[in-house]
Amino acid sequence: MKKLEPPFTTEEKVQNALRNKLIGRTILISLHLNELENAREAIGQLVIEEKSLRNCREELSYRLVFGKFVTWDSSLFAKQFYATTYEYFVRLHFEGFLGGESKKWLNTYRELLKRRPSDLGCLIAKGILLTQVLQFNSHGLVDYGFIRKDQDENDWRGEIVSEARNDFTKASTLLRDNRMKGLLEECERDLQDFWR
């Protein structure tokens, strides 16, 4: 896993932010061209300051992208996982927007978990993504295809909170690392902030 960088000066932060945005574009272009290995190499060039990871979701997604939970190999499963996770990570961290692609990513994680129900990386990634989706307003949920206009939004949110909680709980049982378990527990507690 890539080592987190020490604190930077203001000028270094600006340069790293611009550099990371360019690298992010390279990653997205590589994924669009189906060049996963190039995207992986570009991910390795990102410079991320430790204190810039503001919450459990950001820290876990960082660890997902850099291979902490899913081994990089040539299997179709790993390729689908990393292509989805790289795109999700770049869109969230360097573009600040998930939008309609989030439905596609969620469907991919759900399909991968049908093949490997106890895959730690997919459980964590799906739980984090569900937490992000819970932050969409009613219009976003309809526009991005998560709910129908006539569907009860509160019922749907309750189901998503339950699904994310189950993902985090199951992932926690698969971990030995207390720090990672703590992050999952924090994410699980945070779910209540996104559903009232």
Protein backbone atom coordinates (compact mmCIF):
# COMPACT_ATOMS: atom_id res chain seq x y z
CA MET A 1 0.00 0.00 0.00
CA LYS A 2 1.17 3.50 -0.79
CA LYS A 3 2.55 5.35 2.20
CA LEU A 4 0.58 8.38 3.30
CA GLU A 5 2.54 11.58 2.98
CA PRO A 6 3.50 13.96 5.82
CA PRO A 7 1.90 17.42 6.08
CA PHE A 8 2.63 19.73 3.14
CA THR A 9 3.13 23.48 2.83
CA THR A 10 0.33 25.48 1.20
CA GLU A 11 2.17 25.63 -2.12
CA GLU A 12 2.81 21.88 -2.06
CA LYS A 13 -0.86 21.26 -1.28
CA VAL A 14 -1.94 23.29 -4.29
CA GLN A 15 0.57 21.54 -6.56
CA ASN A 16 -0.45 18.11 -5.26
CA ALA A 17 -4.15 18.90 -5.69
CA LEU A 18 -3.59 19.93 -9.32
CA ARG A 19 -1.36 16.93 -9.93
CA ASN A 20 -3.92 14.57 -8.39
CA LYS A 21 -6.71 16.04 -10.54
CA LEU A 22 -4.63 15.42 -13.67
CA ILE A 23 -3.80 11.90 -12.52
CA GLY A 24 -7.50 11.40 -11.78
CA ARG A 25 -8.36 12.33 -15.36
CA THR A 26 -5.69 9.90 -16.59
CA ILE A 27 -7.26 7.16 -14.46
CA LEU A 28 -10.74 7.83 -15.83
CA ILE A 29 -9.48 7.91 -19.42
CA SER A 30 -7.58 4.65 -18.89
CA LEU A 31 -10.71 3.01 -17.47
CA HIS A 32 -12.78 4.31 -20.38
CA LEU A 33 -10.25 2.73 -22.77
CA ASN A 34 -10.37 -0.51 -20.76
CA GLU A 35 -6.70 -0.11 -19.77
CA LEU A 36 -6.92 -1.17 -16.14
CA GLU A 37 -3.18 -1.68 -15.74
CA ASN A 38 -2.55 1.94 -16.80
CA ALA A 39 -5.19 3.10 -14.32
CA ARG A 40 -3.50 1.07 -11.60
CA GLU A 41 -0.12 2.64 -12.37
CA ALA A 42 -1.68 6.11 -12.27
CA ILE A 43 -3.32 5.36 -8.90
CA GLY A 44 0.16 4.67 -7.57
CA GLN A 45 1.22 8.22 -8.52
CA LEU A 46 -1.40 9.94 -6.35
CA VAL A 47 -0.07 11.96 -3.43
CA ILE A 48 -2.49 12.01 -0.53
CA GLU A 49 -1.84 13.75 2.77
CA GLU A 50 -2.87 11.68 5.79
CA LYS A 51 -4.83 14.44 7.47
CA SER A 52 -6.82 15.04 4.28
CA LEU A 53 -8.70 11.78 4.96
CA ARG A 54 -11.53 13.35 6.93
CA ASN A 55 -13.62 10.39 8.02
CA CYS A 56 -13.92 6.60 8.13
CA ARG A 57 -15.32 6.42 4.59
CA GLU A 58 -12.41 8.32 3.08
CA GLU A 59 -9.82 6.31 4.97
CA LEU A 60 -11.40 2.99 4.05
CA SER A 61 -11.86 3.98 0.40
CA TYR A 62 -8.21 5.01 0.28
CA ARG A 63 -7.22 1.60 1.62
CA LEU A 64 -9.50 -0.13 -0.89
CA VAL A 65 -7.91 1.66 -3.83
CA PHE A 66 -4.40 0.79 -2.70
CA GLY A 67 -5.12 -2.92 -2.31
CA LYS A 68 -5.53 -3.34 1.43
CA PHE A 69 -8.60 -5.59 1.18
CA VAL A 70 -8.65 -7.17 -2.30
CA THR A 71 -5.58 -8.76 -3.82
CA TRP A 72 -4.63 -7.49 -7.26
CA ASP A 73 -4.65 -10.37 -9.72
CA SER A 74 -5.78 -11.07 -13.24
CA SER A 75 -9.13 -12.59 -12.31
CA LEU A 76 -12.29 -11.09 -13.78
CA PHE A 77 -13.52 -10.49 -10.23
CA ALA A 78 -10.47 -8.36 -9.30
CA LYS A 79 -10.60 -6.48 -12.59
CA GLN A 80 -14.27 -5.58 -12.13
CA PHE A 81 -13.70 -4.66 -8.49
CA TYR A 82 -10.75 -2.39 -9.18
CA ALA A 83 -12.22 -0.74 -12.29
CA THR A 84 -15.33 0.16 -10.27
CA THR A 85 -13.41 1.18 -7.16
CA TYR A 86 -10.90 3.33 -9.04
CA GLU A 87 -13.65 5.20 -10.87
CA TYR A 88 -15.67 5.69 -7.69
CA PHE A 89 -12.62 6.90 -5.76
CA VAL A 90 -11.54 9.41 -8.43
CA ARG A 91 -15.04 10.79 -8.97
CA LEU A 92 -15.59 11.25 -5.24
CA HIS A 93 -12.19 12.53 -4.13
CA PHE A 94 -11.04 14.59 -7.10
CA GLU A 95 -14.27 15.63 -8.76
CA GLY A 96 -16.46 15.72 -5.65
CA PHE A 97 -19.44 14.28 -7.50
CA LEU A 98 -20.97 10.83 -7.77
CA GLY A 99 -24.13 11.36 -9.80
CA GLY A 100 -25.77 8.72 -11.92
CA GLU A 101 -22.68 6.51 -12.10
CA SER A 102 -23.25 5.54 -8.48
CA LYS A 103 -26.16 3.29 -9.49
CA LYS A 104 -23.89 1.42 -11.91
CA TRP A 105 -21.17 1.02 -9.25
CA LEU A 106 -23.68 -0.22 -6.68
CA ASN A 107 -25.01 -2.80 -9.14
CA THR A 108 -21.45 -3.97 -9.85
CA TYR A 109 -20.65 -4.43 -6.15
CA ARG A 110 -23.94 -6.30 -5.63
CA GLU A 111 -23.18 -8.60 -8.56
CA LEU A 112 -19.63 -9.25 -7.31
CA LEU A 113 -20.99 -10.11 -3.85
CA LYS A 114 -23.36 -12.65 -5.41
CA ARG A 115 -20.24 -14.47 -6.63
CA ARG A 116 -18.24 -13.98 -3.42
CA PRO A 117 -20.66 -13.13 -0.57
CA SER A 118 -17.87 -12.74 1.97
CA ASP A 119 -15.47 -10.62 -0.07
CA LEU A 120 -14.11 -8.07 2.38
CA GLY A 121 -13.30 -5.39 -0.19
CA CYS A 122 -16.72 -5.54 -1.85
CA LEU A 123 -18.54 -5.46 1.47
CA ILE A 124 -16.63 -2.36 2.53
CA ALA A 125 -16.88 -0.63 -0.86
CA LYS A 126 -20.62 -1.25 -1.12
CA GLY A 127 -21.23 -0.09 2.44
CA ILE A 128 -19.31 3.14 1.81
CA LEU A 129 -21.11 3.74 -1.48
CA LEU A 130 -24.51 3.17 0.14
CA THR A 131 -23.59 5.75 2.79
CA GLN A 132 -22.77 8.23 0.02
CA VAL A 133 -26.02 7.48 -1.81
CA LEU A 134 -27.97 8.20 1.38
CA GLN A 135 -26.72 11.79 1.10
CA PHE A 136 -28.58 12.34 -2.19
CA ASN A 137 -31.72 14.44 -1.95
CA SER A 138 -35.10 13.18 -3.21
CA HIS A 139 -34.59 14.57 -6.70
CA GLY A 140 -31.16 12.94 -7.00
CA LEU A 141 -32.52 9.58 -5.90
CA VAL A 142 -35.21 9.76 -8.58
CA ASP A 143 -32.97 11.22 -11.30
CA TYR A 144 -30.24 8.61 -10.73
CA GLY A 145 -32.72 5.72 -10.74
CA PHE A 146 -32.57 4.66 -7.10
CA ILE A 147 -36.27 5.24 -6.44
CA ARG A 148 -39.40 5.90 -8.46
CA LYS A 149 -41.30 9.18 -8.02
CA ASP A 150 -44.18 7.32 -6.38
CA GLN A 151 -41.96 5.25 -4.07
CA ASP A 152 -41.76 5.93 -0.32
CA GLU A 153 -38.34 7.49 0.16
CA ASN A 154 -38.20 6.85 3.92
CA ASP A 155 -38.84 3.13 3.48
CA TRP A 156 -36.14 2.98 0.82
CA ARG A 157 -33.65 4.87 3.03
CA GLY A 158 -34.39 2.47 5.88
CA GLU A 159 -33.63 -0.51 3.65
CA ILE A 160 -30.36 1.08 2.46
CA VAL A 161 -29.27 1.85 6.02
CA SER A 162 -29.96 -1.76 6.94
CA GLU A 163 -28.06 -3.05 3.90
CA ALA A 164 -25.04 -0.84 4.62
CA ARG A 165 -25.08 -1.79 8.31
CA ASN A 166 -25.11 -5.48 7.36
CA ASP A 167 -22.17 -4.93 4.98
CA PHE A 168 -20.10 -3.16 7.65
CA THR A 169 -20.98 -5.74 10.32
CA LYS A 170 -20.12 -8.68 8.08
CA ALA A 171 -16.86 -7.02 6.98
CA SER A 172 -15.94 -6.38 10.61
CA THR A 173 -16.26 -10.10 11.42
CA LEU A 174 -13.75 -10.86 8.65
CA LEU A 175 -11.10 -8.48 9.98
CA ARG A 176 -8.41 -9.00 12.60
CA ASP A 177 -7.03 -5.47 12.48
CA ASN A 178 -8.61 -3.47 15.35
CA ARG A 179 -7.96 -0.13 13.63
CA MET A 180 -9.91 -1.25 10.55
CA LYS A 181 -12.68 -2.69 12.73
CA GLY A 182 -12.88 0.67 14.48
CA LEU A 183 -13.26 2.46 11.15
CA LEU A 184 -16.07 0.11 10.14
CA GLU A 185 -17.82 0.67 13.47
CA GLU A 186 -17.50 4.43 12.99
CA CYS A 187 -19.03 4.15 9.51
CA GLU A 188 -21.86 2.07 10.91
CA ARG A 189 -22.58 4.69 13.60
CA ASP A 190 -22.48 7.45 10.96
CA LEU A 191 -25.34 5.82 9.06
CA GLN A 192 -27.84 7.41 11.44
CA ASP A 193 -26.62 10.86 10.37
CA PHE A 194 -27.80 10.18 6.83
CA TRP A 195 -31.23 8.81 7.67
CA ARG A 196 -33.69 10.42 10.03
